Amino acid sequence: MGMPIGRQELLGFVELKVGSIEVRVPLRKMDAPPGADSPLDSPLARFTMDGGSYAIMVRDKDESPPMMAAVERACEEAVRQLSKKLLS
């Protein structure tokens, strides 16, 4: 598997509202997935959870419209998954 979530380069945070709870989700730069030659083989952004750790992983620190749309989709997925974890 790749490097643990907490060891990936921290780019910043996204603040999300999960029910009545404000959650700061780290935005981290992702490594290439196992077996891939580069991160280009992975989505632009994705939400991932590993035990108690979670983050939105992005290919690059980039504010292009495609990247921002991918981060928005990852945020929506983060809210869904964190809702299940935090509100149940």
PDB file of N, CA and C in Angstrom:
ATOM      1  N   MET A   1       0.842  -1.164   0.000  1.00  0.00           N
ATOM      2  CA  MET A   1       0.000   0.000   0.000  1.00  0.00           C
ATOM      3  C   MET A   1       0.883   1.221   0.000  1.00  0.00           C
ATOM      4  N   GLY A   2       0.405   2.378  -0.105  1.00  0.00           N
ATOM      5  CA  GLY A   2       1.238   3.562  -0.103  1.00  0.00           C
ATOM      6  C   GLY A   2       1.593   3.989   1.298  1.00  0.00           C
ATOM      7  N   MET A   3       2.114   5.177   1.372  1.00  0.00           N
ATOM      8  CA  MET A   3       2.471   5.775   2.650  1.00  0.00           C
ATOM      9  C   MET A   3       1.196   6.047   3.457  1.00  0.00           C
ATOM     10  N   PRO A   4       1.233   5.902   4.785  1.00  0.00           N
ATOM     11  CA  PRO A   4       0.047   6.206   5.595  1.00  0.00           C
ATOM     12  C   PRO A   4      -0.449   7.634   5.337  1.00  0.00           C
ATOM     13  N   ILE A   5      -1.757   7.831   5.481  1.00  0.00           N
ATOM     14  CA  ILE A   5      -2.379   9.121   5.181  1.00  0.00           C
ATOM     15  C   ILE A   5      -1.643  10.265   5.868  1.00  0.00           C
ATOM     16  N   GLY A   6      -1.345  10.128   7.155  1.00  0.00           N
ATOM     17  CA  GLY A   6      -0.734  11.201   7.924  1.00  0.00           C
ATOM     18  C   GLY A   6       0.674  11.562   7.494  1.00  0.00           C
ATOM     19  N   ARG A   7       1.279  10.749   6.660  1.00  0.00           N
ATOM     20  CA  ARG A   7       2.652  11.024   6.215  1.00  0.00           C
ATOM     21  C   ARG A   7       2.698  11.713   4.853  1.00  0.00           C
ATOM     22  N   GLN A   8       1.554  11.818   4.191  1.00  0.00           N
ATOM     23  CA  GLN A   8       1.495  12.500   2.894  1.00  0.00           C
ATOM     24  C   GLN A   8       1.645  14.004   3.112  1.00  0.00           C
ATOM     25  N   GLU A   9       2.164  14.700   2.127  1.00  0.00           N
ATOM     26  CA  GLU A   9       2.378  16.153   2.231  1.00  0.00           C
ATOM     27  C   GLU A   9       1.058  16.879   2.492  1.00  0.00           C
ATOM     28  N   LEU A  10       1.013  17.675   3.551  1.00  0.00           N
ATOM     29  CA  LEU A  10      -0.172  18.443   3.912  1.00  0.00           C
ATOM     30  C   LEU A  10      -0.218  19.718   3.090  1.00  0.00           C
ATOM     31  N   LEU A  11      -1.334  19.941   2.382  1.00  0.00           N
ATOM     32  CA  LEU A  11      -1.497  21.130   1.547  1.00  0.00           C
ATOM     33  C   LEU A  11      -2.412  22.162   2.204  1.00  0.00           C
ATOM     34  N   GLY A  12      -3.223  21.732   3.148  1.00  0.00           N
ATOM     35  CA  GLY A  12      -4.163  22.640   3.800  1.00  0.00           C
ATOM     36  C   GLY A  12      -5.318  21.846   4.383  1.00  0.00           C
ATOM     37  N   PHE A  13      -6.420  22.547   4.634  1.00  0.00           N
ATOM     38  CA  PHE A  13      -7.603  21.920   5.211  1.00  0.00           C
ATOM     39  C   PHE A  13      -8.846  22.409   4.493  1.00  0.00           C
ATOM     40  N   VAL A  14      -9.875  21.567   4.504  1.00  0.00           N
ATOM     41  CA  VAL A  14     -11.201  21.926   4.021  1.00  0.00           C
ATOM     42  C   VAL A  14     -12.121  21.794   5.227  1.00  0.00           C
ATOM     43  N   GLU A  15     -12.934  22.810   5.483  1.00  0.00           N
ATOM     44  CA  GLU A  15     -13.877  22.731   6.602  1.00  0.00           C
ATOM     45  C   GLU A  15     -15.236  22.293   6.070  1.00  0.00           C
ATOM     46  N   LEU A  16     -15.735  21.198   6.627  1.00  0.00           N
ATOM     47  CA  LEU A  16     -17.003  20.635   6.198  1.00  0.00           C
ATOM     48  C   LEU A  16     -17.974  20.596   7.365  1.00  0.00           C
ATOM     49  N   LYS A  17     -19.232  20.726   7.069  1.00  0.00           N
ATOM     50  CA  LYS A  17     -20.286  20.631   8.086  1.00  0.00           C
ATOM     51  C   LYS A  17     -20.900  19.239   7.973  1.00  0.00           C
ATOM     52  N   VAL A  18     -20.751  18.449   9.025  1.00  0.00           N
ATOM     53  CA  VAL A  18     -21.299  17.094   9.085  1.00  0.00           C
ATOM     54  C   VAL A  18     -22.360  17.117  10.173  1.00  0.00           C
ATOM     55  N   GLY A  19     -23.615  17.203   9.770  1.00  0.00           N
ATOM     56  CA  GLY A  19     -24.688  17.410  10.737  1.00  0.00           C
ATOM     57  C   GLY A  19     -24.474  18.772  11.379  1.00  0.00           C
ATOM     58  N   SER A  20     -24.363  18.807  12.702  1.00  0.00           N
ATOM     59  CA  SER A  20     -24.101  20.074  13.397  1.00  0.00           C
ATOM     60  C   SER A  20     -22.621  20.210  13.772  1.00  0.00           C
ATOM     61  N   ILE A  21     -21.801  19.293  13.288  1.00  0.00           N
ATOM     62  CA  ILE A  21     -20.385  19.269  13.645  1.00  0.00           C
ATOM     63  C   ILE A  21     -19.543  19.877  12.525  1.00  0.00           C
ATOM     64  N   GLU A  22     -18.635  20.783  12.884  1.00  0.00           N
ATOM     65  CA  GLU A  22     -17.658  21.322  11.935  1.00  0.00           C
ATOM     66  C   GLU A  22     -16.444  20.389  11.940  1.00  0.00           C
ATOM     67  N   VAL A  23     -16.051  19.911  10.773  1.00  0.00           N
ATOM     68  CA  VAL A  23     -14.930  18.978  10.668  1.00  0.00           C
ATOM     69  C   VAL A  23     -13.882  19.576   9.730  1.00  0.00           C
ATOM     70  N   ARG A  24     -12.647  19.637  10.217  1.00  0.00           N
ATOM     71  CA  ARG A  24     -11.520  20.072   9.377  1.00  0.00           C
ATOM     72  C   ARG A  24     -10.894  18.833   8.758  1.00  0.00           C
ATOM     73  N   VAL A  25     -11.000  18.738   7.450  1.00  0.00           N
ATOM     74  CA  VAL A  25     -10.474  17.575   6.734  1.00  0.00           C
ATOM     75  C   VAL A  25      -9.160  17.994   6.067  1.00  0.00           C
ATOM     76  N   PRO A  26      -8.079  17.280   6.344  1.00  0.00           N
ATOM     77  CA  PRO A  26      -6.804  17.611   5.707  1.00  0.00           C
ATOM     78  C   PRO A  26      -6.867  17.392   4.194  1.00  0.00           C
ATOM     79  N   LEU A  27      -6.201  18.262   3.488  1.00  0.00           N
ATOM     80  CA  LEU A  27      -6.019  18.140   2.048  1.00  0.00           C
ATOM     81  C   LEU A  27      -4.560  17.754   1.856  1.00  0.00           C
ATOM     82  N   ARG A  28      -4.319  16.567   1.303  1.00  0.00           N
ATOM     83  CA  ARG A  28      -2.950  16.052   1.192  1.00  0.00           C
ATOM     84  C   ARG A  28      -2.638  15.649  -0.240  1.00  0.00           C
ATOM     85  N   LYS A  29      -1.369  15.731  -0.573  1.00  0.00           N
ATOM     86  CA  LYS A  29      -0.904  15.337  -1.901  1.00  0.00           C
ATOM     87  C   LYS A  29      -0.754  13.822  -1.919  1.00  0.00           C
ATOM     88  N   MET A  30      -1.366  13.169  -2.908  1.00  0.00           N
ATOM     89  CA  MET A  30      -1.309  11.708  -2.957  1.00  0.00           C
ATOM     90  C   MET A  30      -0.079  11.215  -3.709  1.00  0.00           C
ATOM     91  N   ASP A  31       0.394  10.069  -3.271  1.00  0.00           N
ATOM     92  CA  ASP A  31       1.443   9.353  -3.993  1.00  0.00           C
ATOM     93  C   ASP A  31       0.798   8.597  -5.144  1.00  0.00           C
ATOM     94  N   ALA A  32       1.616   8.130  -6.059  1.00  0.00           N
ATOM     95  CA  ALA A  32       1.118   7.255  -7.119  1.00  0.00           C
ATOM     96  C   ALA A  32       0.575   5.985  -6.474  1.00  0.00           C
ATOM     97  N   PRO A  33      -0.560   5.469  -6.965  1.00  0.00           N
ATOM     98  CA  PRO A  33      -1.078   4.227  -6.401  1.00  0.00           C
ATOM     99  C   PRO A  33      -0.139   3.063  -6.685  1.00  0.00           C
ATOM    100  N   PRO A  34      -0.205   2.009  -5.862  1.00  0.00           N
ATOM    101  CA  PRO A  34       0.673   0.862  -6.081  1.00  0.00           C
ATOM    102  C   PRO A  34       0.523   0.334  -7.504  1.00  0.00           C
ATOM    103  N   GLY A  35       1.640   0.064  -8.153  1.00  0.00           N
ATOM    104  CA  GLY A  35       1.618  -0.468  -9.506  1.00  0.00           C
ATOM    105  C   GLY A  35       1.509   0.591 -10.584  1.00  0.00           C
ATOM    106  N   ALA A  36       1.299   1.846 -10.202  1.00  0.00           N
ATOM    107  CA  ALA A  36       1.193   2.921 -11.188  1.00  0.00           C
ATOM    108  C   ALA A  36       2.540   3.623 -11.296  1.00  0.00           C
ATOM    109  N   ASP A  37       2.841   4.083 -12.477  1.00  0.00           N
ATOM    110  CA  ASP A  37       4.094   4.799 -12.679  1.00  0.00           C
ATOM    111  C   ASP A  37       4.007   6.234 -12.193  1.00  0.00           C
ATOM    112  N   SER A  38       2.805   6.780 -12.130  1.00  0.00           N
ATOM    113  CA  SER A  38       2.644   8.165 -11.701  1.00  0.00           C
ATOM    114  C   SER A  38       1.257   8.360 -11.111  1.00  0.00           C
ATOM    115  N   PRO A  39       1.040   9.480 -10.376  1.00  0.00           N
ATOM    116  CA  PRO A  39      -0.291   9.758  -9.833  1.00  0.00           C
ATOM    117  C   PRO A  39      -1.313  10.028 -10.937  1.00  0.00           C
ATOM    118  N   LEU A  40      -0.859  10.205 -12.190  1.00  0.00           N
ATOM    119  CA  LEU A  40      -1.779  10.477 -13.289  1.00  0.00           C
ATOM    120  C   LEU A  40      -2.714   9.304 -13.545  1.00  0.00           C
ATOM    121  N   ASP A  41      -2.374   8.130 -13.008  1.00  0.00           N
ATOM    122  CA  ASP A  41      -3.229   6.966 -13.147  1.00  0.00           C
ATOM    123  C   ASP A  41      -4.349   6.963 -12.111  1.00  0.00           C
ATOM    124  N   SER A  42      -4.404   7.965 -11.243  1.00  0.00           N
ATOM    125  CA  SER A  42      -5.417   8.038 -10.195  1.00  0.00           C
ATOM    126  C   SER A  42      -6.325   9.238 -10.446  1.00  0.00           C
ATOM    127  N   PRO A  43      -7.480   9.305  -9.748  1.00  0.00           N
ATOM    128  CA  PRO A  43      -8.379  10.453  -9.917  1.00  0.00           C
ATOM    129  C   PRO A  43      -7.698  11.748  -9.457  1.00  0.00           C
ATOM    130  N   LEU A  44      -8.213  12.894  -9.903  1.00  0.00           N
ATOM    131  CA  LEU A  44      -7.645  14.187  -9.497  1.00  0.00           C
ATOM    132  C   LEU A  44      -7.721  14.378  -7.990  1.00  0.00           C
ATOM    133  N   ALA A  45      -8.837  13.951  -7.386  1.00  0.00           N
ATOM    134  CA  ALA A  45      -9.019  14.089  -5.934  1.00  0.00           C
ATOM    135  C   ALA A  45      -9.939  12.978  -5.460  1.00  0.00           C
ATOM    136  N   ARG A  46      -9.703  12.522  -4.225  1.00  0.00           N
ATOM    137  CA  ARG A  46     -10.576  11.504  -3.645  1.00  0.00           C
ATOM    138  C   ARG A  46     -10.506  11.608  -2.129  1.00  0.00           C
ATOM    139  N   PHE A  47     -11.605  11.219  -1.492  1.00  0.00           N
ATOM    140  CA  PHE A  47     -11.638  11.152  -0.040  1.00  0.00           C
ATOM    141  C   PHE A  47     -11.239   9.749   0.366  1.00  0.00           C
ATOM    142  N   THR A  48     -10.425   9.643   1.404  1.00  0.00           N
ATOM    143  CA  THR A  48     -10.016   8.333   1.890  1.00  0.00           C
ATOM    144  C   THR A  48     -10.006   8.318   3.410  1.00  0.00           C
ATOM    145  N   MET A  49     -10.382   7.164   3.968  1.00  0.00           N
ATOM    146  CA  MET A  49     -10.341   6.955   5.411  1.00  0.00           C
ATOM    147  C   MET A  49      -9.533   5.693   5.676  1.00  0.00           C
ATOM    148  N   ASP A  50      -8.711   5.749   6.721  1.00  0.00           N
ATOM    149  CA  ASP A  50      -7.927   4.599   7.138  1.00  0.00           C
ATOM    150  C   ASP A  50      -7.963   4.579   8.659  1.00  0.00           C
ATOM    151  N   GLY A  51      -8.859   3.782   9.207  1.00  0.00           N
ATOM    152  CA  GLY A  51      -9.047   3.767  10.652  1.00  0.00           C
ATOM    153  C   GLY A  51      -9.590   5.114  11.105  1.00  0.00           C
ATOM    154  N   GLY A  52      -8.890   5.775  12.013  1.00  0.00           N
ATOM    155  CA  GLY A  52      -9.310   7.084  12.505  1.00  0.00           C
ATOM    156  C   GLY A  52      -8.759   8.244  11.694  1.00  0.00           C
ATOM    157  N   SER A  53      -7.955   7.942  10.680  1.00  0.00           N
ATOM    158  CA  SER A  53      -7.377   8.994   9.839  1.00  0.00           C
ATOM    159  C   SER A  53      -8.195   9.152   8.566  1.00  0.00           C
ATOM    160  N   TYR A  54      -8.300  10.382   8.110  1.00  0.00           N
ATOM    161  CA  TYR A  54      -9.002  10.636   6.854  1.00  0.00           C
ATOM    162  C   TYR A  54      -8.413  11.876   6.213  1.00  0.00           C
ATOM    163  N   ALA A  55      -8.600  11.982   4.899  1.00  0.00           N
ATOM    164  CA  ALA A  55      -8.093  13.133   4.159  1.00  0.00           C
ATOM    165  C   ALA A  55      -8.699  13.145   2.764  1.00  0.00           C
ATOM    166  N   ILE A  56      -8.661  14.300   2.176  1.00  0.00           N
ATOM    167  CA  ILE A  56      -8.927  14.420   0.747  1.00  0.00           C
ATOM    168  C   ILE A  56      -7.564  14.440   0.088  1.00  0.00           C
ATOM    169  N   MET A  57      -7.347  13.459  -0.768  1.00  0.00           N
ATOM    170  CA  MET A  57      -6.071  13.304  -1.448  1.00  0.00           C
ATOM    171  C   MET A  57      -6.175  13.929  -2.834  1.00  0.00           C
ATOM    172  N   VAL A  58      -5.200  14.750  -3.191  1.00  0.00           N
ATOM    173  CA  VAL A  58      -5.202  15.401  -4.501  1.00  0.00           C
ATOM    174  C   VAL A  58      -3.894  15.101  -5.222  1.00  0.00           C
ATOM    175  N   ARG A  59      -3.963  15.118  -6.549  1.00  0.00           N
ATOM    176  CA  ARG A  59      -2.751  14.876  -7.341  1.00  0.00           C
ATOM    177  C   ARG A  59      -1.753  16.007  -7.189  1.00  0.00           C
ATOM    178  N   ASP A  60      -2.241  17.244  -7.274  1.00  0.00           N
ATOM    179  CA  ASP A  60      -1.366  18.413  -7.229  1.00  0.00           C
ATOM    180  C   ASP A  60      -2.053  19.545  -6.499  1.00  0.00           C
ATOM    181  N   LYS A  61      -1.254  20.506  -6.048  1.00  0.00           N
ATOM    182  CA  LYS A  61      -1.818  21.747  -5.507  1.00  0.00           C
ATOM    183  C   LYS A  61      -2.143  22.598  -6.727  1.00  0.00           C
ATOM    184  N   ASP A  62      -3.393  22.544  -7.131  1.00  0.00           N
ATOM    185  CA  ASP A  62      -3.822  23.111  -8.398  1.00  0.00           C
ATOM    186  C   ASP A  62      -5.223  23.685  -8.204  1.00  0.00           C
ATOM    187  N   GLU A  63      -5.475  24.859  -8.724  1.00  0.00           N
ATOM    188  CA  GLU A  63      -6.799  25.462  -8.588  1.00  0.00           C
ATOM    189  C   GLU A  63      -7.519  25.555  -9.924  1.00  0.00           C
ATOM    190  N   SER A  64      -7.196  24.646 -10.839  1.00  0.00           N
ATOM    191  CA  SER A  64      -7.870  24.627 -12.141  1.00  0.00           C
ATOM    192  C   SER A  64      -9.324  24.195 -11.953  1.00  0.00           C
ATOM    193  N   PRO A  65     -10.215  24.564 -12.870  1.00  0.00           N
ATOM    194  CA  PRO A  65     -11.617  24.143 -12.747  1.00  0.00           C
ATOM    195  C   PRO A  65     -11.793  22.620 -12.619  1.00  0.00           C
ATOM    196  N   PRO A  66     -11.072  21.785 -13.394  1.00  0.00           N
ATOM    197  CA  PRO A  66     -11.254  20.335 -13.198  1.00  0.00           C
ATOM    198  C   PRO A  66     -10.836  19.872 -11.800  1.00  0.00           C
ATOM    199  N   MET A  67      -9.752  20.427 -11.271  1.00  0.00           N
ATOM    200  CA  MET A  67      -9.307  20.034  -9.929  1.00  0.00           C
ATOM    201  C   MET A  67     -10.306  20.501  -8.888  1.00  0.00           C
ATOM    202  N   MET A  68     -10.787  21.716  -9.009  1.00  0.00           N
ATOM    203  CA  MET A  68     -11.744  22.227  -8.031  1.00  0.00           C
ATOM    204  C   MET A  68     -13.034  21.402  -8.051  1.00  0.00           C
ATOM    205  N   ALA A  69     -13.479  20.979  -9.237  1.00  0.00           N
ATOM    206  CA  ALA A  69     -14.671  20.133  -9.342  1.00  0.00           C
ATOM    207  C   ALA A  69     -14.413  18.775  -8.686  1.00  0.00           C
ATOM    208  N   ALA A  70     -13.216  18.219  -8.892  1.00  0.00           N
ATOM    209  CA  ALA A  70     -12.867  16.931  -8.280  1.00  0.00           C
ATOM    210  C   ALA A  70     -12.813  17.050  -6.760  1.00  0.00           C
ATOM    211  N   VAL A  71     -12.280  18.148  -6.249  1.00  0.00           N
ATOM    212  CA  VAL A  71     -12.226  18.368  -4.797  1.00  0.00           C
ATOM    213  C   VAL A  71     -13.645  18.504  -4.250  1.00  0.00           C
ATOM    214  N   GLU A  72     -14.511  19.191  -4.972  1.00  0.00           N
ATOM    215  CA  GLU A  72     -15.908  19.339  -4.544  1.00  0.00           C
ATOM    216  C   GLU A  72     -16.587  17.973  -4.439  1.00  0.00           C
ATOM    217  N   ARG A  73     -16.367  17.111  -5.420  1.00  0.00           N
ATOM    218  CA  ARG A  73     -16.942  15.756  -5.373  1.00  0.00           C
ATOM    219  C   ARG A  73     -16.355  14.971  -4.196  1.00  0.00           C
ATOM    220  N   ALA A  74     -15.058  15.126  -3.952  1.00  0.00           N
ATOM    221  CA  ALA A  74     -14.418  14.439  -2.822  1.00  0.00           C
ATOM    222  C   ALA A  74     -14.989  14.954  -1.499  1.00  0.00           C
ATOM    223  N   CYS A  75     -15.286  16.240  -1.420  1.00  0.00           N
ATOM    224  CA  CYS A  75     -15.899  16.811  -0.207  1.00  0.00           C
ATOM    225  C   CYS A  75     -17.287  16.216   0.023  1.00  0.00           C
ATOM    226  N   GLU A  76     -18.054  16.058  -1.047  1.00  0.00           N
ATOM    227  CA  GLU A  76     -19.382  15.452  -0.918  1.00  0.00           C
ATOM    228  C   GLU A  76     -19.272  14.023  -0.397  1.00  0.00           C
ATOM    229  N   GLU A  77     -18.303  13.281  -0.918  1.00  0.00           N
ATOM    230  CA  GLU A  77     -18.080  11.907  -0.448  1.00  0.00           C
ATOM    231  C   GLU A  77     -17.619  11.920   1.016  1.00  0.00           C
ATOM    232  N   ALA A  78     -16.786  12.881   1.380  1.00  0.00           N
ATOM    233  CA  ALA A  78     -16.313  12.996   2.762  1.00  0.00           C
ATOM    234  C   ALA A  78     -17.487  13.210   3.707  1.00  0.00           C
ATOM    235  N   VAL A  79     -18.402  14.097   3.348  1.00  0.00           N
ATOM    236  CA  VAL A  79     -19.563  14.356   4.197  1.00  0.00           C
ATOM    237  C   VAL A  79     -20.396  13.083   4.349  1.00  0.00           C
ATOM    238  N   ARG A  80     -20.601  12.338   3.257  1.00  0.00           N
ATOM    239  CA  ARG A  80     -21.374  11.085   3.337  1.00  0.00           C
ATOM    240  C   ARG A  80     -20.710  10.085   4.285  1.00  0.00           C
ATOM    241  N   GLN A  81     -19.414   9.866   4.086  1.00  0.00           N
ATOM    242  CA  GLN A  81     -18.728   8.850   4.902  1.00  0.00           C
ATOM    243  C   GLN A  81     -18.570   9.292   6.352  1.00  0.00           C
ATOM    244  N   LEU A  82     -18.242  10.570   6.561  1.00  0.00           N
ATOM    245  CA  LEU A  82     -18.080  11.057   7.933  1.00  0.00           C
ATOM    246  C   LEU A  82     -19.415  11.088   8.674  1.00  0.00           C
ATOM    247  N   SER A  83     -20.502  11.332   7.945  1.00  0.00           N
ATOM    248  CA  SER A  83     -21.836  11.293   8.566  1.00  0.00           C
ATOM    249  C   SER A  83     -22.089   9.916   9.146  1.00  0.00           C
ATOM    250  N   LYS A  84     -21.777   8.881   8.365  1.00  0.00           N
ATOM    251  CA  LYS A  84     -21.985   7.501   8.848  1.00  0.00           C
ATOM    252  C   LYS A  84     -21.136   7.237  10.091  1.00  0.00           C
ATOM    253  N   LYS A  85     -19.907   7.709  10.053  1.00  0.00           N
ATOM    254  CA  LYS A  85     -18.966   7.436  11.153  1.00  0.00           C
ATOM    255  C   LYS A  85     -19.270   8.275  12.395  1.00  0.00           C
ATOM    256  N   LEU A  86     -19.545   9.561  12.231  1.00  0.00           N
ATOM    257  CA  LEU A  86     -19.685  10.468  13.367  1.00  0.00           C
ATOM    258  C   LEU A  86     -21.092  10.550  13.934  1.00  0.00           C
ATOM    259  N   LEU A  87     -22.105  10.299  13.101  1.00  0.00           N
ATOM    260  CA  LEU A  87     -23.474  10.532  13.546  1.00  0.00           C
ATOM    261  C   LEU A  87     -24.229   9.242  13.868  1.00  0.00           C
ATOM    262  N   SER A  88     -23.545   8.097  13.783  1.00  0.00           N
ATOM    263  CA  SER A  88     -24.274   6.855  14.099  1.00  0.00           C
ATOM    264  C   SER A  88     -23.915   6.341  15.462  1.00  0.00           C
TER     265      SER A  88
END
